[in-house]
Structure formats: structure tokens, C-alpha cells
Amino acid sequence: EAIAAPGYLEPLDGQIDLSALSADELLGTTLRADGHVYAVPFASQTIVVFYNKDLFEEHDVALPETWDEFLAASQKFKDAGVTPLANGLADAWTMEIMSGAFLPNFYGKDFFGEVTSGATDFEDERFVNALEKFSALKEFMPQGYEGVDYATMKQLFSVGQAAMFVGGSFDIPTFVNAGVNFDIMPGPAAEAGGPRMVATWLDGGYGVNAASENKEAALKFIQFTATQPFAQMLTDKLANVPAVDGAEISDPYLAKVSAMHEEATPYIMLVAFRCNTPTGSTLLQNGLQELFTGKKSAEGVAADISEGIKTAE
């Protein structure tokens, strides 16, 4: 990845009105070192569970709402000879995506704030327990899941060989275009009555070159990207959930995604731990591959992540 040199981007807070964006939404474009916002985020992505409506109906499987129900539904598909989950391990980033549908509902609403403030670390029993629970899903992934890559996962779901696929809201057009009779749901609650949180993040942002010869005009345009009219254009033309609230979302899938944001939590490593090397994402992705292949325990993976975060530069 190319990294901008210090001073390349103009700080925007204090120069444009960012009140249409929440503090959580601005986290991804805020530099931790000085607290300034350097870009206006434009689109929100959310991790969801895609499910094949035909397979659920054919095998009389109820939509799971809790973790135990999710495991039971997966077992029912497996017993019927249907692959429950299309996801595999070959592309490490997809394991991080998959974890975003399940881990937050086990480590809870408070963990993000506490781990980013230093009040706790990734060896916290809530995070270790979340990893342990999540690892149970290896029993429901495709045969030879260690070698299943992103393209293959989507193909397995598209042709009806797998009942579910965990991915981002950015995957919706793929399955619409493939003609799959699908719908989406959030990951399961840890227990009955618990929240069904979804992990979200802002997928890019618009900034201004600090050395621009047309800085005033650039800031005027950037101000427009932080308004509701721009958000409406973005969702209408690019089929994404906009970062700025207030747009009327006509796409039925995106409308469902937007409604899920009432129980949103930041996609933890991308939002908070991608500033140093190794990144939190690298540590988590490698750790999940080791966890799902039995090379390390949940405790071992958590310890590696915690140590890596603390020693990153």
C-alpha cells in the first residue's frame, strides 16, 4: 500500500462542517497521532450473512437468531449433504471478514472502546472466548476449506452448493447478478435476547492535498461530499450505503443493511489497528488461519495478537 507522507493531506476539521457524520464514522479518517480528520468517508460497508432462501425452504431450516440455533441449522444442512458455509481459509482477508459477523456478539459492545483505550488487551477473556466459539465453524466449511479461496466461496454459494456465505455488503451485486434467490441477516446473537451486532467500516474517503493551488475550491467540493444530497447520489448511482445519514435507500438489500446499523460496532482491526506494522488485520488473519487448522489454540492466537499490537511500530 502507498502511504502519504506527513503533511500531504489538509486537516478538514475546523474548515468544513462534519456534523452529518458520527464520531464512529470519522474514526477511520482520523489520524491517531494528532486527532485531526483528513478525509470525508463516503461509503459504509457491513459484514452480513448471506443465505440461500431455496435451500432453507427445501430442507425446512428455520433462520437462526442465536449462536446455538446457527450451529443447529448448520448441522442440519451438513446432515442433508449441503455445505453449510461457503467460506474457506485460502485468502486470509476473508477470514477476518468472516470473524466480523461472529466475534463482536461474543466480546460485546464495550470491548472495542476498552481495547482501543488500553483498558484491556486482546488476551481479555471476552476475546479469547469469542475466538474459541468462532473456531467451531470449521466443522461446517467446505471440504478442503484450507484451500478454498474467495472466488471459489462465491461460486459455491452462487450455484447453490452452500447454504450460507459470510461476506461484506459489497458482495450483494455479485449474487444479484448471478440470479441467486438469497437474502441477508446479521450474525447470530450470543444468546437469546442478546444483540445481533454487525461490524461496519468506512470504505475510503475524500481528502484535499495540503499543497493544492486550488485549496479553497477543493474544500468547497469536499464540503459537498459531507452532505445529504451527495449521500443520495452515492447510494443511487453506486449502490452503497452512504456514510452521511439522511439518504433514501431504494435498494432493498441496502435498506436492510442500513437498518442493521442500529446494532453496529466498528470492524475492529481495520478501524483501530491498521496504523502500525504489523497491522492488527495481519495478526488476526494469520491467527485465524492457525486457529482453524489446529496449529494454535484460541489462547495462543490471542496472545500473539496482543503481543504483536503492543510491539508494532
C-alpha atoms as a PDB file:
ATOM      1  CA  GLU A   1       0.000   0.000   0.000  1.00  0.00           C
ATOM      2  CA  ALA A   2       1.163   3.538  -0.759  1.00  0.00           C
ATOM      3  CA  ILE A   3       1.298   5.734   2.318  1.00  0.00           C
ATOM      4  CA  ALA A   4       1.034   9.522   2.123  1.00  0.00           C
ATOM      5  CA  ALA A   5       3.888  11.471   3.660  1.00  0.00           C
ATOM      6  CA  PRO A   6       3.122  13.603   6.743  1.00  0.00           C
ATOM      7  CA  GLY A   7       1.666  16.920   5.695  1.00  0.00           C
ATOM      8  CA  TYR A   8       0.380  15.671   2.339  1.00  0.00           C
ATOM      9  CA  LEU A   9      -3.283  15.995   3.300  1.00  0.00           C
ATOM     10  CA  GLU A  10      -5.083  19.063   4.611  1.00  0.00           C
ATOM     11  CA  PRO A  11      -6.777  18.643   8.024  1.00  0.00           C
ATOM     12  CA  LEU A  12     -10.518  19.137   7.469  1.00  0.00           C
ATOM     13  CA  ASP A  13     -11.921  19.568  10.973  1.00  0.00           C
ATOM     14  CA  GLY A  14     -12.496  23.238  11.658  1.00  0.00           C
ATOM     15  CA  GLN A  15     -12.552  24.003   7.938  1.00  0.00           C
ATOM     16  CA  ILE A  16     -15.664  22.142   6.835  1.00  0.00           C
ATOM     17  CA  ASP A  17     -18.861  21.061   8.580  1.00  0.00           C
ATOM     18  CA  LEU A  18     -18.584  17.366   9.545  1.00  0.00           C
ATOM     19  CA  SER A  19     -21.677  17.333  11.765  1.00  0.00           C
ATOM     20  CA  ALA A  20     -23.545  14.946   9.446  1.00  0.00           C
ATOM     21  CA  LEU A  21     -21.038  12.223  10.333  1.00  0.00           C
ATOM     22  CA  SER A  22     -20.817  10.432  13.670  1.00  0.00           C
ATOM     23  CA  ALA A  23     -17.652  10.073  15.736  1.00  0.00           C
ATOM     24  CA  ASP A  24     -17.534   6.349  14.891  1.00  0.00           C
ATOM     25  CA  GLU A  25     -17.793   7.103  11.190  1.00  0.00           C
ATOM     26  CA  LEU A  26     -14.931   9.584  11.396  1.00  0.00           C
ATOM     27  CA  LEU A  27     -12.636   7.166  13.251  1.00  0.00           C
ATOM     28  CA  GLY A  28     -11.328   5.656  10.030  1.00  0.00           C
ATOM     29  CA  THR A  29     -10.246   9.013   8.613  1.00  0.00           C
ATOM     30  CA  THR A  30      -8.850  10.446  11.846  1.00  0.00           C
ATOM     31  CA  LEU A  31      -5.084  10.363  12.401  1.00  0.00           C
ATOM     32  CA  ARG A  32      -4.407   8.967  15.881  1.00  0.00           C
ATOM     33  CA  ALA A  33      -1.192  10.971  16.245  1.00  0.00           C
ATOM     34  CA  ASP A  34      -2.850  14.393  16.165  1.00  0.00           C
ATOM     35  CA  GLY A  35      -6.597  13.755  16.314  1.00  0.00           C
ATOM     36  CA  HIS A  36      -7.328  15.587  13.066  1.00  0.00           C
ATOM     37  CA  VAL A  37      -9.743  14.368  10.386  1.00  0.00           C
ATOM     38  CA  TYR A  38      -8.073  14.157   6.983  1.00  0.00           C
ATOM     39  CA  ALA A  39     -10.865  12.832   4.765  1.00  0.00           C
ATOM     40  CA  VAL A  40     -14.639  12.672   4.465  1.00  0.00           C
ATOM     41  CA  PRO A  41     -15.679   8.998   4.422  1.00  0.00           C
ATOM     42  CA  PHE A  42     -18.019   8.180   1.555  1.00  0.00           C
ATOM     43  CA  ALA A  43     -19.423   4.640   1.776  1.00  0.00           C
ATOM     44  CA  SER A  44     -20.164   2.282   4.617  1.00  0.00           C
ATOM     45  CA  GLN A  45     -19.535  -1.465   4.389  1.00  0.00           C
ATOM     46  CA  THR A  46     -21.129  -4.035   6.670  1.00  0.00           C
ATOM     47  CA  ILE A  47     -20.439  -7.713   7.324  1.00  0.00           C
ATOM     48  CA  VAL A  48     -23.539  -9.852   6.870  1.00  0.00           C
ATOM     49  CA  VAL A  49     -24.575 -13.479   6.471  1.00  0.00           C
ATOM     50  CA  PHE A  50     -25.958 -14.283   3.034  1.00  0.00           C
ATOM     51  CA  TYR A  51     -28.351 -17.230   2.902  1.00  0.00           C
ATOM     52  CA  ASN A  52     -29.922 -19.219   0.083  1.00  0.00           C
ATOM     53  CA  LYS A  53     -33.682 -18.962   0.548  1.00  0.00           C
ATOM     54  CA  ASP A  54     -34.390 -22.011  -1.623  1.00  0.00           C
ATOM     55  CA  LEU A  55     -32.089 -24.274   0.401  1.00  0.00           C
ATOM     56  CA  PHE A  56     -33.521 -23.100   3.714  1.00  0.00           C
ATOM     57  CA  GLU A  57     -37.039 -23.826   2.436  1.00  0.00           C
ATOM     58  CA  GLU A  58     -36.160 -27.141   0.790  1.00  0.00           C
ATOM     59  CA  HIS A  59     -34.537 -28.506   3.949  1.00  0.00           C
ATOM     60  CA  ASP A  60     -37.033 -26.908   6.341  1.00  0.00           C
ATOM     61  CA  VAL A  61     -34.347 -24.991   8.229  1.00  0.00           C
ATOM     62  CA  ALA A  62     -35.502 -22.057  10.322  1.00  0.00           C
ATOM     63  CA  LEU A  63     -33.489 -18.859  10.148  1.00  0.00           C
ATOM     64  CA  PRO A  64     -31.154 -18.899  13.169  1.00  0.00           C
ATOM     65  CA  GLU A  65     -31.232 -15.984  15.575  1.00  0.00           C
ATOM     66  CA  THR A  66     -28.857 -17.275  18.257  1.00  0.00           C
ATOM     67  CA  TRP A  67     -25.452 -18.954  18.148  1.00  0.00           C
ATOM     68  CA  ASP A  68     -26.888 -22.312  19.231  1.00  0.00           C
ATOM     69  CA  GLU A  69     -29.554 -22.061  16.531  1.00  0.00           C
ATOM     70  CA  PHE A  70     -26.872 -21.180  13.972  1.00  0.00           C
ATOM     71  CA  LEU A  71     -24.887 -24.287  14.881  1.00  0.00           C
ATOM     72  CA  ALA A  72     -28.045 -26.418  14.791  1.00  0.00           C
ATOM     73  CA  ALA A  73     -29.039 -25.074  11.373  1.00  0.00           C
ATOM     74  CA  SER A  74     -25.522 -25.701  10.066  1.00  0.00           C
ATOM     75  CA  GLN A  75     -25.599 -29.268  11.378  1.00  0.00           C
ATOM     76  CA  LYS A  76     -28.959 -29.881   9.715  1.00  0.00           C
ATOM     77  CA  PHE A  77     -27.571 -28.800   6.355  1.00  0.00           C
ATOM     78  CA  LYS A  78     -24.443 -30.883   6.855  1.00  0.00           C
ATOM     79  CA  ASP A  79     -26.530 -33.965   7.675  1.00  0.00           C
ATOM     80  CA  ALA A  80     -28.508 -33.368   4.475  1.00  0.00           C
ATOM     81  CA  GLY A  81     -25.327 -33.267   2.380  1.00  0.00           C
ATOM     82  CA  VAL A  82     -25.379 -29.495   1.868  1.00  0.00           C
ATOM     83  CA  THR A  83     -22.295 -27.435   2.702  1.00  0.00           C
ATOM     84  CA  PRO A  84     -23.488 -25.052   5.438  1.00  0.00           C
ATOM     85  CA  LEU A  85     -20.861 -22.311   4.942  1.00  0.00           C
ATOM     86  CA  ALA A  86     -19.117 -21.458   1.674  1.00  0.00           C
ATOM     87  CA  ASN A  87     -16.217 -19.669   3.397  1.00  0.00           C
ATOM     88  CA  GLY A  88     -12.666 -21.004   3.314  1.00  0.00           C
ATOM     89  CA  LEU A  89      -9.164 -20.107   4.538  1.00  0.00           C
ATOM     90  CA  ALA A  90      -7.058 -19.623   1.401  1.00  0.00           C
ATOM     91  CA  ASP A  91      -7.492 -15.842   1.218  1.00  0.00           C
ATOM     92  CA  ALA A  92      -6.669 -14.685   4.733  1.00  0.00           C
ATOM     93  CA  TRP A  93      -8.559 -11.396   4.485  1.00  0.00           C
ATOM     94  CA  THR A  94     -11.825 -13.284   4.051  1.00  0.00           C
ATOM     95  CA  MET A  95     -11.285 -14.959   7.420  1.00  0.00           C
ATOM     96  CA  GLU A  96     -11.095 -11.547   9.031  1.00  0.00           C
ATOM     97  CA  ILE A  97     -14.311 -10.616   7.223  1.00  0.00           C
ATOM     98  CA  MET A  98     -15.982 -13.806   8.433  1.00  0.00           C
ATOM     99  CA  SER A  99     -14.895 -13.174  12.010  1.00  0.00           C
ATOM    100  CA  GLY A 100     -16.607  -9.781  11.904  1.00  0.00           C
ATOM    101  CA  ALA A 101     -20.006 -11.472  11.761  1.00  0.00           C
ATOM    102  CA  PHE A 102     -19.447 -13.564  14.887  1.00  0.00           C
ATOM    103  CA  LEU A 103     -16.750 -12.234  17.244  1.00  0.00           C
ATOM    104  CA  PRO A 104     -18.482  -8.952  18.229  1.00  0.00           C
ATOM    105  CA  ASN A 105     -21.553 -10.739  19.559  1.00  0.00           C
ATOM    106  CA  PHE A 106     -19.310 -12.655  21.962  1.00  0.00           C
ATOM    107  CA  TYR A 107     -16.836  -9.973  23.026  1.00  0.00           C
ATOM    108  CA  GLY A 108     -19.660  -7.451  23.435  1.00  0.00           C
ATOM    109  CA  LYS A 109     -20.369  -3.770  22.931  1.00  0.00           C
ATOM    110  CA  ASP A 110     -17.810  -2.420  25.398  1.00  0.00           C
ATOM    111  CA  PHE A 111     -14.742  -4.313  24.190  1.00  0.00           C
ATOM    112  CA  PHE A 112     -13.870  -2.008  21.262  1.00  0.00           C
ATOM    113  CA  GLY A 113     -13.681   1.078  23.452  1.00  0.00           C
ATOM    114  CA  GLU A 114     -11.734  -0.694  26.163  1.00  0.00           C
ATOM    115  CA  VAL A 115      -9.152  -2.336  23.900  1.00  0.00           C
ATOM    116  CA  THR A 116      -8.538   0.847  21.896  1.00  0.00           C
ATOM    117  CA  SER A 117      -8.115   2.935  25.066  1.00  0.00           C
ATOM    118  CA  GLY A 118      -5.679   0.437  26.586  1.00  0.00           C
ATOM    119  CA  ALA A 119      -8.028  -0.544  29.411  1.00  0.00           C
ATOM    120  CA  THR A 120      -7.680  -4.147  28.236  1.00  0.00           C
ATOM    121  CA  ASP A 121      -5.838  -6.117  25.557  1.00  0.00           C
ATOM    122  CA  PHE A 122      -6.568  -8.976  23.176  1.00  0.00           C
ATOM    123  CA  GLU A 123      -5.845 -11.589  25.834  1.00  0.00           C
ATOM    124  CA  ASP A 124      -9.051 -10.443  27.525  1.00  0.00           C
ATOM    125  CA  GLU A 125     -11.209 -13.492  28.269  1.00  0.00           C
ATOM    126  CA  ARG A 126     -14.052 -11.984  26.213  1.00  0.00           C
ATOM    127  CA  PHE A 127     -11.891 -12.001  23.082  1.00  0.00           C
ATOM    128  CA  VAL A 128     -10.408 -15.432  23.792  1.00  0.00           C
ATOM    129  CA  ASN A 129     -13.901 -16.847  24.300  1.00  0.00           C
ATOM    130  CA  ALA A 130     -15.052 -15.236  21.046  1.00  0.00           C
ATOM    131  CA  LEU A 131     -12.190 -16.904  19.162  1.00  0.00           C
ATOM    132  CA  GLU A 132     -12.949 -20.254  20.770  1.00  0.00           C
ATOM    133  CA  LYS A 133     -16.628 -20.064  19.831  1.00  0.00           C
ATOM    134  CA  PHE A 134     -15.843 -18.922  16.297  1.00  0.00           C
ATOM    135  CA  SER A 135     -13.471 -21.851  15.705  1.00  0.00           C
ATOM    136  CA  ALA A 136     -16.418 -24.269  15.934  1.00  0.00           C
ATOM    137  CA  LEU A 137     -17.458 -23.174  12.443  1.00  0.00           C
ATOM    138  CA  LYS A 138     -14.623 -25.109  10.816  1.00  0.00           C
ATOM    139  CA  GLU A 139     -16.880 -28.173  11.047  1.00  0.00           C
ATOM    140  CA  PHE A 140     -19.323 -26.539   8.644  1.00  0.00           C
ATOM    141  CA  MET A 141     -16.993 -25.161   5.984  1.00  0.00           C
ATOM    142  CA  PRO A 142     -16.413 -26.831   2.586  1.00  0.00           C
ATOM    143  CA  GLN A 143     -14.368 -29.992   2.218  1.00  0.00           C
ATOM    144  CA  GLY A 144     -10.749 -28.910   1.845  1.00  0.00           C
ATOM    145  CA  TYR A 145     -11.654 -25.497   3.248  1.00  0.00           C
ATOM    146  CA  GLU A 146      -7.978 -24.704   3.836  1.00  0.00           C
ATOM    147  CA  GLY A 147      -7.591 -24.268   0.059  1.00  0.00           C
ATOM    148  CA  VAL A 148     -10.909 -22.560  -0.730  1.00  0.00           C
ATOM    149  CA  ASP A 149     -10.329 -19.011  -1.980  1.00  0.00           C
ATOM    150  CA  TYR A 150     -12.644 -16.006  -2.320  1.00  0.00           C
ATOM    151  CA  ALA A 151     -13.691 -16.736  -5.912  1.00  0.00           C
ATOM    152  CA  THR A 152     -14.496 -20.347  -5.063  1.00  0.00           C
ATOM    153  CA  MET A 153     -16.518 -19.361  -1.996  1.00  0.00           C
ATOM    154  CA  LYS A 154     -18.712 -17.055  -4.055  1.00  0.00           C
ATOM    155  CA  GLN A 155     -19.116 -19.733  -6.710  1.00  0.00           C
ATOM    156  CA  LEU A 156     -20.176 -22.351  -4.141  1.00  0.00           C
ATOM    157  CA  PHE A 157     -22.869 -20.003  -2.872  1.00  0.00           C
ATOM    158  CA  SER A 158     -23.920 -18.785  -6.318  1.00  0.00           C
ATOM    159  CA  VAL A 159     -24.608 -22.292  -7.671  1.00  0.00           C
ATOM    160  CA  GLY A 160     -26.448 -23.468  -4.565  1.00  0.00           C
ATOM    161  CA  GLN A 161     -23.814 -25.842  -3.202  1.00  0.00           C
ATOM    162  CA  ALA A 162     -23.555 -23.899   0.063  1.00  0.00           C
ATOM    163  CA  ALA A 163     -26.439 -22.628   2.173  1.00  0.00           C
ATOM    164  CA  MET A 164     -24.678 -19.558   3.588  1.00  0.00           C
ATOM    165  CA  PHE A 165     -21.791 -17.222   2.848  1.00  0.00           C
ATOM    166  CA  VAL A 166     -20.365 -14.599   5.178  1.00  0.00           C
ATOM    167  CA  GLY A 167     -19.220 -11.508   3.326  1.00  0.00           C
ATOM    168  CA  GLY A 168     -19.458  -7.768   3.004  1.00  0.00           C
ATOM    169  CA  SER A 169     -22.345  -5.672   1.781  1.00  0.00           C
ATOM    170  CA  PHE A 170     -20.064  -5.058  -1.218  1.00  0.00           C
ATOM    171  CA  ASP A 171     -20.794  -8.676  -2.269  1.00  0.00           C
ATOM    172  CA  ILE A 172     -24.514  -8.008  -2.795  1.00  0.00           C
ATOM    173  CA  PRO A 173     -24.235  -7.098  -6.527  1.00  0.00           C
ATOM    174  CA  THR A 174     -22.347 -10.350  -7.211  1.00  0.00           C
ATOM    175  CA  PHE A 175     -25.241 -12.507  -6.061  1.00  0.00           C
ATOM    176  CA  VAL A 176     -27.914 -10.259  -7.568  1.00  0.00           C
ATOM    177  CA  ASN A 177     -26.176 -10.531 -10.936  1.00  0.00           C
ATOM    178  CA  ALA A 178     -25.818 -14.305 -10.509  1.00  0.00           C
ATOM    179  CA  GLY A 179     -29.577 -14.637 -10.031  1.00  0.00           C
ATOM    180  CA  VAL A 180     -29.312 -16.286  -6.611  1.00  0.00           C
ATOM    181  CA  ASN A 181     -32.537 -16.375  -4.565  1.00  0.00           C
ATOM    182  CA  PHE A 182     -30.851 -15.027  -1.448  1.00  0.00           C
ATOM    183  CA  ASP A 183     -31.365 -12.721   1.473  1.00  0.00           C
ATOM    184  CA  ILE A 184     -29.152 -11.339   4.232  1.00  0.00           C
ATOM    185  CA  MET A 185     -29.142 -11.371   8.012  1.00  0.00           C
ATOM    186  CA  PRO A 186     -26.798 -10.247  10.784  1.00  0.00           C
ATOM    187  CA  GLY A 187     -24.621 -12.745  12.602  1.00  0.00           C
ATOM    188  CA  PRO A 188     -26.352 -14.619  15.431  1.00  0.00           C
ATOM    189  CA  ALA A 189     -26.760 -13.311  18.966  1.00  0.00           C
ATOM    190  CA  ALA A 190     -24.552 -14.986  21.560  1.00  0.00           C
ATOM    191  CA  GLU A 191     -27.703 -15.971  23.453  1.00  0.00           C
ATOM    192  CA  ALA A 192     -31.452 -15.454  23.257  1.00  0.00           C
ATOM    193  CA  GLY A 193     -32.416 -11.822  23.653  1.00  0.00           C
ATOM    194  CA  GLY A 194     -28.878 -10.578  23.065  1.00  0.00           C
ATOM    195  CA  PRO A 195     -27.894  -8.036  20.412  1.00  0.00           C
ATOM    196  CA  ARG A 196     -27.078  -9.101  16.863  1.00  0.00           C
ATOM    197  CA  MET A 197     -24.278  -6.680  16.168  1.00  0.00           C
ATOM    198  CA  VAL A 198     -22.828  -6.068  12.734  1.00  0.00           C
ATOM    199  CA  ALA A 199     -19.269  -4.908  12.088  1.00  0.00           C
ATOM    200  CA  THR A 200     -19.060  -1.788   9.931  1.00  0.00           C
ATOM    201  CA  TRP A 201     -16.359   0.395   8.447  1.00  0.00           C
ATOM    202  CA  LEU A 202     -15.982   3.322   6.075  1.00  0.00           C
ATOM    203  CA  ASP A 203     -14.603   2.233   2.734  1.00  0.00           C
ATOM    204  CA  GLY A 204     -12.443   5.153   1.674  1.00  0.00           C
ATOM    205  CA  GLY A 205     -12.669   8.907   1.929  1.00  0.00           C
ATOM    206  CA  TYR A 206     -12.171  12.150   0.037  1.00  0.00           C
ATOM    207  CA  GLY A 207      -9.279  14.393   1.062  1.00  0.00           C
ATOM    208  CA  VAL A 208      -7.531  17.569  -0.055  1.00  0.00           C
ATOM    209  CA  ASN A 209      -3.859  17.947  -0.981  1.00  0.00           C
ATOM    210  CA  ALA A 210      -2.349  20.384   1.510  1.00  0.00           C
ATOM    211  CA  ALA A 211      -0.251  21.907  -1.307  1.00  0.00           C
ATOM    212  CA  SER A 212      -3.166  22.316  -3.724  1.00  0.00           C
ATOM    213  CA  GLU A 213      -3.155  25.521  -5.756  1.00  0.00           C
ATOM    214  CA  ASN A 214      -6.965  25.397  -5.642  1.00  0.00           C
ATOM    215  CA  LYS A 215      -7.444  24.603  -1.981  1.00  0.00           C
ATOM    216  CA  GLU A 216     -10.484  26.841  -1.496  1.00  0.00           C
ATOM    217  CA  ALA A 217     -12.323  25.178  -4.392  1.00  0.00           C
ATOM    218  CA  ALA A 218     -11.214  21.734  -3.225  1.00  0.00           C
ATOM    219  CA  LEU A 219     -12.538  22.362   0.285  1.00  0.00           C
ATOM    220  CA  LYS A 220     -15.822  23.575  -1.192  1.00  0.00           C
ATOM    221  CA  PHE A 221     -16.165  20.315  -3.120  1.00  0.00           C
ATOM    222  CA  ILE A 222     -15.176  18.231  -0.094  1.00  0.00           C
ATOM    223  CA  GLN A 223     -17.848  20.043   1.918  1.00  0.00           C
ATOM    224  CA  PHE A 224     -20.394  18.810  -0.647  1.00  0.00           C
ATOM    225  CA  THR A 225     -19.285  15.194  -0.036  1.00  0.00           C
ATOM    226  CA  ALA A 226     -20.269  15.639   3.629  1.00  0.00           C
ATOM    227  CA  THR A 227     -23.895  16.486   2.796  1.00  0.00           C
ATOM    228  CA  GLN A 228     -27.123  14.567   2.331  1.00  0.00           C
ATOM    229  CA  PRO A 229     -27.506  15.415  -1.404  1.00  0.00           C
ATOM    230  CA  PHE A 230     -24.135  13.801  -2.121  1.00  0.00           C
ATOM    231  CA  ALA A 231     -25.101  10.787   0.006  1.00  0.00           C
ATOM    232  CA  GLN A 232     -28.262  10.396  -2.081  1.00  0.00           C
ATOM    233  CA  MET A 233     -26.250  10.460  -5.310  1.00  0.00           C
ATOM    234  CA  LEU A 234     -23.797   7.904  -3.943  1.00  0.00           C
ATOM    235  CA  THR A 235     -26.437   5.338  -2.994  1.00  0.00           C
ATOM    236  CA  ASP A 236     -28.465   5.900  -6.187  1.00  0.00           C
ATOM    237  CA  LYS A 237     -25.553   5.661  -8.591  1.00  0.00           C
ATOM    238  CA  LEU A 238     -23.038   3.405  -6.822  1.00  0.00           C
ATOM    239  CA  ALA A 239     -25.392   1.131  -4.812  1.00  0.00           C
ATOM    240  CA  ASN A 240     -23.640   1.642  -1.491  1.00  0.00           C
ATOM    241  CA  VAL A 241     -24.797   2.677   1.961  1.00  0.00           C
ATOM    242  CA  PRO A 242     -23.503   6.250   2.311  1.00  0.00           C
ATOM    243  CA  ALA A 243     -21.556   7.419   5.341  1.00  0.00           C
ATOM    244  CA  VAL A 244     -23.724  10.529   5.693  1.00  0.00           C
ATOM    245  CA  ASP A 245     -27.181   9.863   7.108  1.00  0.00           C
ATOM    246  CA  GLY A 246     -30.418  11.047   5.522  1.00  0.00           C
ATOM    247  CA  ALA A 247     -30.363   9.443   2.086  1.00  0.00           C
ATOM    248  CA  GLU A 248     -33.372   7.416   0.971  1.00  0.00           C
ATOM    249  CA  ILE A 249     -32.042   3.980   0.091  1.00  0.00           C
ATOM    250  CA  SER A 250     -34.141   2.330  -2.607  1.00  0.00           C
ATOM    251  CA  ASP A 251     -32.230  -0.946  -2.960  1.00  0.00           C
ATOM    252  CA  PRO A 252     -33.995  -3.474  -0.666  1.00  0.00           C
ATOM    253  CA  TYR A 253     -30.784  -5.215   0.380  1.00  0.00           C
ATOM    254  CA  LEU A 254     -29.015  -1.969   1.186  1.00  0.00           C
ATOM    255  CA  ALA A 255     -32.075  -0.816   3.123  1.00  0.00           C
ATOM    256  CA  LYS A 256     -31.765  -3.962   5.276  1.00  0.00           C
ATOM    257  CA  VAL A 257     -28.059  -3.305   5.755  1.00  0.00           C
ATOM    258  CA  SER A 258     -28.740   0.273   6.811  1.00  0.00           C
ATOM    259  CA  ALA A 259     -31.341  -0.891   9.344  1.00  0.00           C
ATOM    260  CA  MET A 260     -28.791  -3.276  10.850  1.00  0.00           C
ATOM    261  CA  HIS A 261     -26.621  -0.277  11.769  1.00  0.00           C
ATOM    262  CA  GLU A 262     -28.743   0.250  14.870  1.00  0.00           C
ATOM    263  CA  GLU A 263     -26.582  -2.526  16.368  1.00  0.00           C
ATOM    264  CA  ALA A 264     -23.307  -1.598  14.670  1.00  0.00           C
ATOM    265  CA  THR A 265     -19.811  -1.956  16.085  1.00  0.00           C
ATOM    266  CA  PRO A 266     -16.549  -0.897  14.401  1.00  0.00           C
ATOM    267  CA  TYR A 267     -14.813  -3.567  12.291  1.00  0.00           C
ATOM    268  CA  ILE A 268     -12.135  -3.712  14.901  1.00  0.00           C
ATOM    269  CA  MET A 269      -8.756  -4.220  13.224  1.00  0.00           C
ATOM    270  CA  LEU A 270      -9.398  -2.098  10.141  1.00  0.00           C
ATOM    271  CA  VAL A 271     -10.831   0.816  12.095  1.00  0.00           C
ATOM    272  CA  ALA A 272      -8.417   0.881  15.024  1.00  0.00           C
ATOM    273  CA  PHE A 273      -5.301  -1.223  14.410  1.00  0.00           C
ATOM    274  CA  ARG A 274      -4.083  -0.645  10.863  1.00  0.00           C
ATOM    275  CA  CYS A 275      -1.784   2.244  11.683  1.00  0.00           C
ATOM    276  CA  ASN A 276       1.399   0.304  12.534  1.00  0.00           C
ATOM    277  CA  THR A 277       3.370  -2.729  11.364  1.00  0.00           C
ATOM    278  CA  PRO A 278       2.380  -5.487  11.779  1.00  0.00           C
ATOM    279  CA  THR A 279      -1.202  -4.375  11.397  1.00  0.00           C
ATOM    280  CA  GLY A 280      -3.928  -5.802  13.582  1.00  0.00           C
ATOM    281  CA  SER A 281      -5.504  -7.245  10.456  1.00  0.00           C
ATOM    282  CA  THR A 282      -2.332  -9.170   9.572  1.00  0.00           C
ATOM    283  CA  LEU A 283      -2.100 -10.537  13.094  1.00  0.00           C
ATOM    284  CA  LEU A 284      -5.757 -11.558  13.216  1.00  0.00           C
ATOM    285  CA  GLN A 285      -5.787 -13.074   9.730  1.00  0.00           C
ATOM    286  CA  ASN A 286      -2.683 -15.177  10.392  1.00  0.00           C
ATOM    287  CA  GLY A 287      -4.023 -16.164  13.792  1.00  0.00           C
ATOM    288  CA  LEU A 288      -7.383 -17.291  12.419  1.00  0.00           C
ATOM    289  CA  GLN A 289      -5.692 -19.467   9.817  1.00  0.00           C
ATOM    290  CA  GLU A 290      -3.662 -21.086  12.598  1.00  0.00           C
ATOM    291  CA  LEU A 291      -6.756 -21.460  14.781  1.00  0.00           C
ATOM    292  CA  PHE A 292      -8.867 -23.090  12.077  1.00  0.00           C
ATOM    293  CA  THR A 293      -6.106 -25.511  11.062  1.00  0.00           C
ATOM    294  CA  GLY A 294      -5.470 -26.537  14.662  1.00  0.00           C
ATOM    295  CA  LYS A 295      -1.951 -25.105  14.793  1.00  0.00           C
ATOM    296  CA  LYS A 296      -2.754 -22.835  17.725  1.00  0.00           C
ATOM    297  CA  SER A 297      -5.356 -22.557  20.449  1.00  0.00           C
ATOM    298  CA  ALA A 298      -7.600 -19.545  20.949  1.00  0.00           C
ATOM    299  CA  GLU A 299      -5.396 -18.534  23.883  1.00  0.00           C
ATOM    300  CA  GLY A 300      -2.266 -18.795  21.749  1.00  0.00           C
ATOM    301  CA  VAL A 301      -3.738 -16.757  18.932  1.00  0.00           C
ATOM    302  CA  ALA A 302      -4.954 -14.068  21.344  1.00  0.00           C
ATOM    303  CA  ALA A 303      -1.510 -13.879  22.957  1.00  0.00           C
ATOM    304  CA  ASP A 304       0.172 -13.459  19.562  1.00  0.00           C
ATOM    305  CA  ILE A 305      -2.251 -10.713  18.555  1.00  0.00           C
ATOM    306  CA  SER A 306      -1.840  -8.905  21.849  1.00  0.00           C
ATOM    307  CA  GLU A 307       1.959  -9.058  21.703  1.00  0.00           C
ATOM    308  CA  GLY A 308       2.011  -8.013  18.050  1.00  0.00           C
ATOM    309  CA  ILE A 309      -0.172  -4.988  18.702  1.00  0.00           C
ATOM    310  CA  LYS A 310       1.960  -3.884  21.660  1.00  0.00           C
ATOM    311  CA  THR A 311       5.260  -4.169  19.767  1.00  0.00           C
ATOM    312  CA  ALA A 312       4.060  -2.822  16.390  1.00  0.00           C
ATOM    313  CA  GLU A 313       5.918   0.185  15.029  1.00  0.00           C
END
